[in-house]
């Protein structure tokens, strides 16, 4: 298999870290991403990428752990919910306000990163990521944040599913729609922040939305879609790590192509393939079908 795995691939510590961090992040992104698509909050996820850019650049400026991506993202998610993301009109308003503020902060912090600290590659690393330089000590923190995000989704799964289908019906059945929405937004912020470590803040929604959108094309149930999205995300991430490592040996430049490029391209290709007629025939699913689930029950039943 030397023609697939270049020398040193299995013994490389950066590869080991990339595989673990990328795999964990892909699972979280797959689970959270399905609900993000079903709830129509892809734009909110995109906004949180700008918030993550501000957080990552701010953390870099202060010399803090790169998981500043997550911390600032949680603040941004809380702010969006406070303004009112549970209604469509309020959601657009909150998203626009937070997006503008986050973009402004990101511009300031990135400017200070390049002028005050004069660190080469800081902007590239923050915006587009480099999973090969993630410190091994970051793994436990990534796992803890991932467990928190997945635990939050698991704890509110039933009410979250019902409110995603119809917030009015959920409210009528006694579901605390506002609290459920806030907890999901916090899980979304954690997911976006973690994926920023793998493929950068700008591209993090690709890992959040791409596998989820593909899974929802291939399955009819939300629960199944989360499993399929996680598998797709992990596969795309690991394949991206392999291709980026191998790319070092492809030419005479002795430079690896970005991992984020390969992950995004693989995810995009899988999404396009999921819409092919032959795939739709095999899965018995049409791209226009709405995902279904067993009838959500009241959380009190």
C-alpha atoms as a PDB file:
ATOM      1  CA  UNK A   1       0.000   0.000   0.000  1.00  0.00           C
ATOM      2  CA  UNK A   2       3.057   2.268  -0.333  1.00  0.00           C
ATOM      3  CA  UNK A   3       1.420   3.903  -3.339  1.00  0.00           C
ATOM      4  CA  UNK A   4      -1.431   5.087  -1.067  1.00  0.00           C
ATOM      5  CA  UNK A   5       0.390   5.807   2.202  1.00  0.00           C
ATOM      6  CA  UNK A   6       3.615   7.698   1.791  1.00  0.00           C
ATOM      7  CA  UNK A   7       6.606   6.910   4.059  1.00  0.00           C
ATOM      8  CA  UNK A   8       6.167   7.813   7.704  1.00  0.00           C
ATOM      9  CA  UNK A   9       2.391   8.277   7.555  1.00  0.00           C
ATOM     10  CA  UNK A  10       1.532   5.788  10.314  1.00  0.00           C
ATOM     11  CA  UNK A  11       4.415   6.823  12.582  1.00  0.00           C
ATOM     12  CA  UNK A  12       3.868  10.586  12.319  1.00  0.00           C
ATOM     13  CA  UNK A  13       2.655  12.192  15.547  1.00  0.00           C
ATOM     14  CA  UNK A  14       1.040  15.169  13.729  1.00  0.00           C
ATOM     15  CA  UNK A  15      -0.955  12.639  11.689  1.00  0.00           C
ATOM     16  CA  UNK A  16      -2.051  10.819  14.860  1.00  0.00           C
ATOM     17  CA  UNK A  17      -3.240  14.088  16.408  1.00  0.00           C
ATOM     18  CA  UNK A  18      -4.955  15.142  13.184  1.00  0.00           C
ATOM     19  CA  UNK A  19      -6.795  11.829  12.911  1.00  0.00           C
ATOM     20  CA  UNK A  20      -8.046  11.953  16.503  1.00  0.00           C
ATOM     21  CA  UNK A  21      -8.991  15.638  16.569  1.00  0.00           C
ATOM     22  CA  UNK A  22     -10.460  15.547  13.062  1.00  0.00           C
ATOM     23  CA  UNK A  23     -12.484  12.423  13.773  1.00  0.00           C
ATOM     24  CA  UNK A  24     -13.962  13.748  17.013  1.00  0.00           C
ATOM     25  CA  UNK A  25     -14.768  17.123  15.476  1.00  0.00           C
ATOM     26  CA  UNK A  26     -16.395  15.474  12.444  1.00  0.00           C
ATOM     27  CA  UNK A  27     -18.743  13.445  14.654  1.00  0.00           C
ATOM     28  CA  UNK A  28     -19.865  16.536  16.554  1.00  0.00           C
ATOM     29  CA  UNK A  29     -20.302  18.488  13.327  1.00  0.00           C
ATOM     30  CA  UNK A  30     -22.343  15.662  11.795  1.00  0.00           C
ATOM     31  CA  UNK A  31     -24.778  15.426  14.713  1.00  0.00           C
ATOM     32  CA  UNK A  32     -25.194  19.161  15.221  1.00  0.00           C
ATOM     33  CA  UNK A  33     -25.165  19.841  11.481  1.00  0.00           C
ATOM     34  CA  UNK A  34     -28.265  17.719  10.806  1.00  0.00           C
ATOM     35  CA  UNK A  35     -30.362  19.790  13.191  1.00  0.00           C
ATOM     36  CA  UNK A  36     -28.793  22.967  11.822  1.00  0.00           C
ATOM     37  CA  UNK A  37     -30.025  22.086   8.331  1.00  0.00           C
ATOM     38  CA  UNK A  38     -33.436  20.858   9.506  1.00  0.00           C
ATOM     39  CA  UNK A  39     -33.978  24.021  11.565  1.00  0.00           C
ATOM     40  CA  UNK A  40     -32.896  26.246   8.674  1.00  0.00           C
ATOM     41  CA  UNK A  41     -30.081  27.811  10.703  1.00  0.00           C
ATOM     42  CA  UNK A  42     -27.254  27.397   8.224  1.00  0.00           C
ATOM     43  CA  UNK A  43     -26.861  31.177   8.096  1.00  0.00           C
ATOM     44  CA  UNK A  44     -26.576  31.249  11.884  1.00  0.00           C
ATOM     45  CA  UNK A  45     -23.835  28.625  11.594  1.00  0.00           C
ATOM     46  CA  UNK A  46     -22.066  30.789   9.030  1.00  0.00           C
ATOM     47  CA  UNK A  47     -22.301  33.778  11.350  1.00  0.00           C
ATOM     48  CA  UNK A  48     -20.702  31.769  14.132  1.00  0.00           C
ATOM     49  CA  UNK A  49     -17.730  31.140  11.834  1.00  0.00           C
ATOM     50  CA  UNK A  50     -17.099  34.879  11.844  1.00  0.00           C
ATOM     51  CA  UNK A  51     -17.488  34.850  15.605  1.00  0.00           C
ATOM     52  CA  UNK A  52     -14.954  32.009  15.732  1.00  0.00           C
ATOM     53  CA  UNK A  53     -12.588  34.055  13.575  1.00  0.00           C
ATOM     54  CA  UNK A  54     -12.770  36.849  16.130  1.00  0.00           C
ATOM     55  CA  UNK A  55     -12.277  34.370  18.967  1.00  0.00           C
ATOM     56  CA  UNK A  56      -9.365  32.576  17.335  1.00  0.00           C
ATOM     57  CA  UNK A  57      -7.565  35.762  16.342  1.00  0.00           C
ATOM     58  CA  UNK A  58      -8.184  37.260  19.789  1.00  0.00           C
ATOM     59  CA  UNK A  59      -6.832  34.131  21.507  1.00  0.00           C
ATOM     60  CA  UNK A  60      -3.798  34.171  19.207  1.00  0.00           C
ATOM     61  CA  UNK A  61      -3.177  37.844  19.993  1.00  0.00           C
ATOM     62  CA  UNK A  62      -3.262  37.188  23.741  1.00  0.00           C
ATOM     63  CA  UNK A  63      -1.217  34.010  23.456  1.00  0.00           C
ATOM     64  CA  UNK A  64      -4.060  31.825  24.716  1.00  0.00           C
ATOM     65  CA  UNK A  65      -5.134  28.322  23.731  1.00  0.00           C
ATOM     66  CA  UNK A  66      -6.534  28.156  20.184  1.00  0.00           C
ATOM     67  CA  UNK A  67      -9.808  26.905  21.681  1.00  0.00           C
ATOM     68  CA  UNK A  68     -10.588  30.587  22.112  1.00  0.00           C
ATOM     69  CA  UNK A  69     -12.531  29.752  18.926  1.00  0.00           C
ATOM     70  CA  UNK A  70     -15.034  27.979  21.163  1.00  0.00           C
ATOM     71  CA  UNK A  71     -15.240  30.471  24.000  1.00  0.00           C
ATOM     72  CA  UNK A  72     -16.093  33.496  21.883  1.00  0.00           C
ATOM     73  CA  UNK A  73     -18.451  31.367  19.787  1.00  0.00           C
ATOM     74  CA  UNK A  74     -20.490  30.493  22.856  1.00  0.00           C
ATOM     75  CA  UNK A  75     -20.771  34.182  23.730  1.00  0.00           C
ATOM     76  CA  UNK A  76     -21.918  34.956  20.193  1.00  0.00           C
ATOM     77  CA  UNK A  77     -24.506  32.167  20.260  1.00  0.00           C
ATOM     78  CA  UNK A  78     -25.888  33.418  23.567  1.00  0.00           C
ATOM     79  CA  UNK A  79     -26.122  36.925  22.164  1.00  0.00           C
ATOM     80  CA  UNK A  80     -28.004  35.725  19.087  1.00  0.00           C
ATOM     81  CA  UNK A  81     -30.504  33.851  21.231  1.00  0.00           C
ATOM     82  CA  UNK A  82     -30.904  36.837  23.543  1.00  0.00           C
ATOM     83  CA  UNK A  83     -31.836  39.043  20.587  1.00  0.00           C
ATOM     84  CA  UNK A  84     -34.302  36.442  19.380  1.00  0.00           C
ATOM     85  CA  UNK A  85     -33.274  33.650  17.034  1.00  0.00           C
ATOM     86  CA  UNK A  86     -36.334  31.489  17.673  1.00  0.00           C
ATOM     87  CA  UNK A  87     -38.473  33.391  15.171  1.00  0.00           C
ATOM     88  CA  UNK A  88     -37.527  33.821  11.531  1.00  0.00           C
ATOM     89  CA  UNK A  89     -37.605  37.619  11.616  1.00  0.00           C
ATOM     90  CA  UNK A  90     -35.795  37.794  14.945  1.00  0.00           C
ATOM     91  CA  UNK A  91     -33.334  35.172  13.717  1.00  0.00           C
ATOM     92  CA  UNK A  92     -32.345  37.293  10.729  1.00  0.00           C
ATOM     93  CA  UNK A  93     -32.029  40.374  12.929  1.00  0.00           C
ATOM     94  CA  UNK A  94     -29.876  38.608  15.514  1.00  0.00           C
ATOM     95  CA  UNK A  95     -27.717  36.976  12.865  1.00  0.00           C
ATOM     96  CA  UNK A  96     -27.106  40.265  11.063  1.00  0.00           C
ATOM     97  CA  UNK A  97     -26.193  42.154  14.227  1.00  0.00           C
ATOM     98  CA  UNK A  98     -23.816  39.495  15.540  1.00  0.00           C
ATOM     99  CA  UNK A  99     -22.308  38.990  12.079  1.00  0.00           C
ATOM    100  CA  UNK A 100     -21.444  42.677  11.758  1.00  0.00           C
ATOM    101  CA  UNK A 101     -19.941  42.905  15.241  1.00  0.00           C
ATOM    102  CA  UNK A 102     -17.957  39.673  14.826  1.00  0.00           C
ATOM    103  CA  UNK A 103     -16.568  40.706  11.445  1.00  0.00           C
ATOM    104  CA  UNK A 104     -15.425  44.029  12.869  1.00  0.00           C
ATOM    105  CA  UNK A 105     -13.687  42.376  15.826  1.00  0.00           C
ATOM    106  CA  UNK A 106     -12.087  39.789  13.553  1.00  0.00           C
ATOM    107  CA  UNK A 107     -10.707  42.541  11.314  1.00  0.00           C
ATOM    108  CA  UNK A 108      -9.242  44.336  14.343  1.00  0.00           C
ATOM    109  CA  UNK A 109      -7.699  41.239  15.913  1.00  0.00           C
ATOM    110  CA  UNK A 110      -6.249  39.965  12.628  1.00  0.00           C
ATOM    111  CA  UNK A 111      -4.710  43.386  12.009  1.00  0.00           C
ATOM    112  CA  UNK A 112      -3.129  43.408  15.475  1.00  0.00           C
ATOM    113  CA  UNK A 113      -1.938  39.811  15.016  1.00  0.00           C
ATOM    114  CA  UNK A 114       0.006  40.761  11.895  1.00  0.00           C
ATOM    115  CA  UNK A 115       1.280  44.140  13.083  1.00  0.00           C
ATOM    116  CA  UNK A 116       1.856  43.788  16.814  1.00  0.00           C
ATOM    117  CA  UNK A 117       3.043  40.168  16.943  1.00  0.00           C
ATOM    118  CA  UNK A 118       4.389  39.980  13.368  1.00  0.00           C
ATOM    119  CA  UNK A 119       3.894  36.219  13.318  1.00  0.00           C
ATOM    120  CA  UNK A 120       4.190  34.676   9.873  1.00  0.00           C
ATOM    121  CA  UNK A 121       1.168  32.659   8.793  1.00  0.00           C
ATOM    122  CA  UNK A 122      -1.101  33.720  11.659  1.00  0.00           C
ATOM    123  CA  UNK A 123      -3.932  34.858   9.398  1.00  0.00           C
ATOM    124  CA  UNK A 124      -3.651  31.741   7.212  1.00  0.00           C
ATOM    125  CA  UNK A 125      -3.741  29.478  10.249  1.00  0.00           C
ATOM    126  CA  UNK A 126      -6.772  31.178  11.803  1.00  0.00           C
ATOM    127  CA  UNK A 127      -8.849  31.481   8.642  1.00  0.00           C
ATOM    128  CA  UNK A 128      -8.012  28.190   6.932  1.00  0.00           C
ATOM    129  CA  UNK A 129      -6.570  26.074   9.722  1.00  0.00           C
ATOM    130  CA  UNK A 130      -3.695  23.604   9.882  1.00  0.00           C
ATOM    131  CA  UNK A 131      -4.655  20.462  11.738  1.00  0.00           C
ATOM    132  CA  UNK A 132      -1.102  19.123  11.468  1.00  0.00           C
ATOM    133  CA  UNK A 133       0.179  21.712  13.956  1.00  0.00           C
ATOM    134  CA  UNK A 134      -2.480  21.140  16.636  1.00  0.00           C
ATOM    135  CA  UNK A 135      -0.718  20.466  19.943  1.00  0.00           C
ATOM    136  CA  UNK A 136      -1.353  16.973  21.403  1.00  0.00           C
ATOM    137  CA  UNK A 137      -2.283  18.602  24.725  1.00  0.00           C
ATOM    138  CA  UNK A 138      -5.346  20.026  22.980  1.00  0.00           C
ATOM    139  CA  UNK A 139      -6.906  16.565  22.468  1.00  0.00           C
ATOM    140  CA  UNK A 140      -8.421  16.196  25.993  1.00  0.00           C
ATOM    141  CA  UNK A 141      -9.958  19.659  25.765  1.00  0.00           C
ATOM    142  CA  UNK A 142     -11.419  18.879  22.334  1.00  0.00           C
ATOM    143  CA  UNK A 143     -12.910  15.658  23.689  1.00  0.00           C
ATOM    144  CA  UNK A 144     -14.430  17.434  26.704  1.00  0.00           C
ATOM    145  CA  UNK A 145     -16.055  20.121  24.566  1.00  0.00           C
ATOM    146  CA  UNK A 146     -17.293  17.450  22.159  1.00  0.00           C
ATOM    147  CA  UNK A 147     -18.903  15.455  24.966  1.00  0.00           C
ATOM    148  CA  UNK A 148     -20.588  18.619  26.229  1.00  0.00           C
ATOM    149  CA  UNK A 149     -22.006  19.433  22.782  1.00  0.00           C
ATOM    150  CA  UNK A 150     -23.203  15.888  22.102  1.00  0.00           C
ATOM    151  CA  UNK A 151     -24.580  15.581  25.629  1.00  0.00           C
ATOM    152  CA  UNK A 152     -26.588  18.774  25.181  1.00  0.00           C
ATOM    153  CA  UNK A 153     -28.109  17.512  21.921  1.00  0.00           C
ATOM    154  CA  UNK A 154     -28.901  14.119  23.478  1.00  0.00           C
ATOM    155  CA  UNK A 155     -30.528  15.729  26.512  1.00  0.00           C
ATOM    156  CA  UNK A 156     -32.905  17.854  24.427  1.00  0.00           C
ATOM    157  CA  UNK A 157     -33.290  15.502  21.457  1.00  0.00           C
ATOM    158  CA  UNK A 158     -37.083  15.003  21.659  1.00  0.00           C
ATOM    159  CA  UNK A 159     -38.080  18.627  22.321  1.00  0.00           C
ATOM    160  CA  UNK A 160     -35.436  19.814  19.851  1.00  0.00           C
ATOM    161  CA  UNK A 161     -36.840  17.554  17.151  1.00  0.00           C
ATOM    162  CA  UNK A 162     -40.400  18.713  17.802  1.00  0.00           C
ATOM    163  CA  UNK A 163     -39.490  22.405  17.900  1.00  0.00           C
ATOM    164  CA  UNK A 164     -37.454  21.968  14.698  1.00  0.00           C
ATOM    165  CA  UNK A 165     -40.534  20.659  12.903  1.00  0.00           C
ATOM    166  CA  UNK A 166     -42.948  23.210  14.397  1.00  0.00           C
ATOM    167  CA  UNK A 167     -42.117  25.638  17.175  1.00  0.00           C
ATOM    168  CA  UNK A 168     -45.795  26.505  17.622  1.00  0.00           C
ATOM    169  CA  UNK A 169     -46.832  22.885  18.191  1.00  0.00           C
ATOM    170  CA  UNK A 170     -43.868  22.402  20.504  1.00  0.00           C
ATOM    171  CA  UNK A 171     -44.869  25.431  22.565  1.00  0.00           C
ATOM    172  CA  UNK A 172     -48.481  24.212  22.713  1.00  0.00           C
ATOM    173  CA  UNK A 173     -47.266  20.882  24.126  1.00  0.00           C
ATOM    174  CA  UNK A 174     -45.311  22.586  26.859  1.00  0.00           C
ATOM    175  CA  UNK A 175     -41.836  22.452  25.340  1.00  0.00           C
ATOM    176  CA  UNK A 176     -39.609  25.302  26.613  1.00  0.00           C
ATOM    177  CA  UNK A 177     -38.813  26.388  23.057  1.00  0.00           C
ATOM    178  CA  UNK A 178     -36.584  29.293  24.099  1.00  0.00           C
ATOM    179  CA  UNK A 179     -34.445  27.161  26.401  1.00  0.00           C
ATOM    180  CA  UNK A 180     -34.199  24.358  23.847  1.00  0.00           C
ATOM    181  CA  UNK A 181     -33.163  26.872  21.180  1.00  0.00           C
ATOM    182  CA  UNK A 182     -30.520  28.376  23.467  1.00  0.00           C
ATOM    183  CA  UNK A 183     -29.007  24.990  24.326  1.00  0.00           C
ATOM    184  CA  UNK A 184     -28.869  24.058  20.669  1.00  0.00           C
ATOM    185  CA  UNK A 185     -27.232  27.365  19.736  1.00  0.00           C
ATOM    186  CA  UNK A 186     -24.579  26.758  22.374  1.00  0.00           C
ATOM    187  CA  UNK A 187     -23.958  23.267  20.977  1.00  0.00           C
ATOM    188  CA  UNK A 188     -23.762  24.792  17.504  1.00  0.00           C
ATOM    189  CA  UNK A 189     -21.213  27.359  18.692  1.00  0.00           C
ATOM    190  CA  UNK A 190     -19.053  24.616  20.225  1.00  0.00           C
ATOM    191  CA  UNK A 191     -19.273  22.578  17.021  1.00  0.00           C
ATOM    192  CA  UNK A 192     -18.244  25.496  14.812  1.00  0.00           C
ATOM    193  CA  UNK A 193     -15.415  26.407  17.169  1.00  0.00           C
ATOM    194  CA  UNK A 194     -14.072  22.862  17.164  1.00  0.00           C
ATOM    195  CA  UNK A 195     -14.285  22.502  13.393  1.00  0.00           C
ATOM    196  CA  UNK A 196     -12.324  25.752  13.112  1.00  0.00           C
ATOM    197  CA  UNK A 197      -9.366  23.847  14.542  1.00  0.00           C
ATOM    198  CA  UNK A 198      -9.579  21.314  11.735  1.00  0.00           C
ATOM    199  CA  UNK A 199     -10.272  23.421   8.653  1.00  0.00           C
ATOM    200  CA  UNK A 200     -10.156  27.029   9.840  1.00  0.00           C
ATOM    201  CA  UNK A 201     -12.888  29.408  10.869  1.00  0.00           C
ATOM    202  CA  UNK A 202     -13.838  30.489   7.349  1.00  0.00           C
ATOM    203  CA  UNK A 203     -14.386  26.930   6.103  1.00  0.00           C
ATOM    204  CA  UNK A 204     -15.798  25.415   9.286  1.00  0.00           C
ATOM    205  CA  UNK A 205     -19.390  25.476   8.024  1.00  0.00           C
ATOM    206  CA  UNK A 206     -18.348  23.127   5.212  1.00  0.00           C
ATOM    207  CA  UNK A 207     -17.814  20.363   7.775  1.00  0.00           C
ATOM    208  CA  UNK A 208     -20.981  21.407   9.604  1.00  0.00           C
ATOM    209  CA  UNK A 209     -23.379  21.654   6.651  1.00  0.00           C
ATOM    210  CA  UNK A 210     -21.875  19.475   3.895  1.00  0.00           C
ATOM    211  CA  UNK A 211     -22.073  16.009   5.513  1.00  0.00           C
ATOM    212  CA  UNK A 212     -25.436  16.836   7.101  1.00  0.00           C
ATOM    213  CA  UNK A 213     -26.970  18.000   3.817  1.00  0.00           C
ATOM    214  CA  UNK A 214     -25.646  14.884   2.084  1.00  0.00           C
ATOM    215  CA  UNK A 215     -27.020  12.597   4.799  1.00  0.00           C
ATOM    216  CA  UNK A 216     -30.453  14.217   4.632  1.00  0.00           C
ATOM    217  CA  UNK A 217     -30.474  13.483   0.900  1.00  0.00           C
ATOM    218  CA  UNK A 218     -29.758   9.821   1.537  1.00  0.00           C
ATOM    219  CA  UNK A 219     -31.950   9.048   4.553  1.00  0.00           C
ATOM    220  CA  UNK A 220     -35.527   9.646   5.607  1.00  0.00           C
ATOM    221  CA  UNK A 221     -35.047   9.863   9.363  1.00  0.00           C
ATOM    222  CA  UNK A 222     -33.259  12.497  11.398  1.00  0.00           C
ATOM    223  CA  UNK A 223     -31.663   9.915  13.696  1.00  0.00           C
ATOM    224  CA  UNK A 224     -30.257   7.958  10.766  1.00  0.00           C
ATOM    225  CA  UNK A 225     -29.087  11.177   9.126  1.00  0.00           C
ATOM    226  CA  UNK A 226     -26.967  12.044  12.170  1.00  0.00           C
ATOM    227  CA  UNK A 227     -25.180   8.683  11.963  1.00  0.00           C
ATOM    228  CA  UNK A 228     -24.629   8.964   8.202  1.00  0.00           C
ATOM    229  CA  UNK A 229     -23.446  12.589   8.504  1.00  0.00           C
ATOM    230  CA  UNK A 230     -20.933  11.608  11.187  1.00  0.00           C
ATOM    231  CA  UNK A 231     -19.582   8.767   9.034  1.00  0.00           C
ATOM    232  CA  UNK A 232     -19.309  11.057   5.994  1.00  0.00           C
ATOM    233  CA  UNK A 233     -17.591  13.757   8.038  1.00  0.00           C
ATOM    234  CA  UNK A 234     -15.074  11.372   9.573  1.00  0.00           C
ATOM    235  CA  UNK A 235     -14.368   9.758   6.205  1.00  0.00           C
ATOM    236  CA  UNK A 236     -13.887  13.116   4.466  1.00  0.00           C
ATOM    237  CA  UNK A 237     -11.631  14.376   7.261  1.00  0.00           C
ATOM    238  CA  UNK A 238      -9.424  11.294   7.367  1.00  0.00           C
ATOM    239  CA  UNK A 239      -9.171  11.177   3.595  1.00  0.00           C
ATOM    240  CA  UNK A 240      -8.262  14.870   3.634  1.00  0.00           C
ATOM    241  CA  UNK A 241      -5.491  14.194   6.157  1.00  0.00           C
ATOM    242  CA  UNK A 242      -4.130  11.366   3.980  1.00  0.00           C
ATOM    243  CA  UNK A 243      -4.204  13.398   0.758  1.00  0.00           C
ATOM    244  CA  UNK A 244      -2.612  16.430   2.408  1.00  0.00           C
ATOM    245  CA  UNK A 245       0.195  14.264   3.805  1.00  0.00           C
ATOM    246  CA  UNK A 246       0.756  12.525   0.468  1.00  0.00           C
ATOM    247  CA  UNK A 247       0.747  15.836  -1.417  1.00  0.00           C
ATOM    248  CA  UNK A 248       4.151  16.605   0.104  1.00  0.00           C
ATOM    249  CA  UNK A 249       5.603  13.953  -2.241  1.00  0.00           C
ATOM    250  CA  UNK A 250       3.670  14.879  -5.370  1.00  0.00           C
ATOM    251  CA  UNK A 251       5.977  17.531  -6.765  1.00  0.00           C
ATOM    252  CA  UNK A 252       9.384  19.066  -6.348  1.00  0.00           C
ATOM    253  CA  UNK A 253       8.212  21.929  -4.126  1.00  0.00           C
ATOM    254  CA  UNK A 254       8.280  19.700  -1.010  1.00  0.00           C
ATOM    255  CA  UNK A 255       5.209  21.428   0.408  1.00  0.00           C
ATOM    256  CA  UNK A 256       1.925  19.916   1.509  1.00  0.00           C
ATOM    257  CA  UNK A 257      -1.360  21.240   0.209  1.00  0.00           C
ATOM    258  CA  UNK A 258      -3.824  22.435   2.895  1.00  0.00           C
ATOM    259  CA  UNK A 259      -5.834  19.747   4.683  1.00  0.00           C
ATOM    260  CA  UNK A 260      -8.844  22.058   4.663  1.00  0.00           C
ATOM    261  CA  UNK A 261      -8.830  22.131   0.850  1.00  0.00           C
ATOM    262  CA  UNK A 262      -9.091  18.352   0.592  1.00  0.00           C
ATOM    263  CA  UNK A 263     -11.737  18.043   3.315  1.00  0.00           C
ATOM    264  CA  UNK A 264     -13.951  20.676   1.699  1.00  0.00           C
ATOM    265  CA  UNK A 265     -13.519  19.233  -1.796  1.00  0.00           C
ATOM    266  CA  UNK A 266     -14.300  15.677  -0.676  1.00  0.00           C
ATOM    267  CA  UNK A 267     -17.376  16.904   1.203  1.00  0.00           C
ATOM    268  CA  UNK A 268     -18.541  18.900  -1.805  1.00  0.00           C
ATOM    269  CA  UNK A 269     -18.004  15.971  -4.175  1.00  0.00           C
ATOM    270  CA  UNK A 270     -20.010  13.643  -1.924  1.00  0.00           C
ATOM    271  CA  UNK A 271     -22.857  16.145  -1.774  1.00  0.00           C
ATOM    272  CA  UNK A 272     -22.959  16.378  -5.570  1.00  0.00           C
ATOM    273  CA  UNK A 273     -22.814  12.590  -5.890  1.00  0.00           C
ATOM    274  CA  UNK A 274     -25.720  12.175  -3.459  1.00  0.00           C
ATOM    275  CA  UNK A 275     -27.948  14.010  -5.925  1.00  0.00           C
ATOM    276  CA  UNK A 276     -27.217  11.717  -8.859  1.00  0.00           C
ATOM    277  CA  UNK A 277     -30.273   9.769 -10.095  1.00  0.00           C
ATOM    278  CA  UNK A 278     -28.566   6.408  -9.581  1.00  0.00           C
ATOM    279  CA  UNK A 279     -27.865   7.233  -5.926  1.00  0.00           C
ATOM    280  CA  UNK A 280     -31.415   8.482  -5.406  1.00  0.00           C
ATOM    281  CA  UNK A 281     -32.743   5.259  -6.917  1.00  0.00           C
ATOM    282  CA  UNK A 282     -30.592   3.047  -4.703  1.00  0.00           C
ATOM    283  CA  UNK A 283     -31.537   4.911  -1.522  1.00  0.00           C
ATOM    284  CA  UNK A 284     -35.177   5.440  -2.522  1.00  0.00           C
ATOM    285  CA  UNK A 285     -34.763   9.086  -1.586  1.00  0.00           C
ATOM    286  CA  UNK A 286     -35.339  12.245  -3.644  1.00  0.00           C
ATOM    287  CA  UNK A 287     -33.341  15.395  -3.003  1.00  0.00           C
ATOM    288  CA  UNK A 288     -36.589  17.306  -2.476  1.00  0.00           C
ATOM    289  CA  UNK A 289     -37.929  14.906   0.190  1.00  0.00           C
ATOM    290  CA  UNK A 290     -38.353  16.336   3.651  1.00  0.00           C
ATOM    291  CA  UNK A 291     -36.689  14.330   6.428  1.00  0.00           C
ATOM    292  CA  UNK A 292     -39.079  12.506   8.713  1.00  0.00           C
ATOM    293  CA  UNK A 293     -38.940  10.905  12.113  1.00  0.00           C
ATOM    294  CA  UNK A 294     -41.245   8.938  14.292  1.00  0.00           C
ATOM    295  CA  UNK A 295     -43.967  11.239  15.550  1.00  0.00           C
ATOM    296  CA  UNK A 296     -42.336  13.348  18.253  1.00  0.00           C
ATOM    297  CA  UNK A 297     -44.063  12.951  21.565  1.00  0.00           C
ATOM    298  CA  UNK A 298     -44.505  15.536  24.234  1.00  0.00           C
ATOM    299  CA  UNK A 299     -41.528  15.525  26.597  1.00  0.00           C
ATOM    300  CA  UNK A 300     -44.068  14.973  29.382  1.00  0.00           C
ATOM    301  CA  UNK A 301     -45.518  11.795  27.825  1.00  0.00           C
END
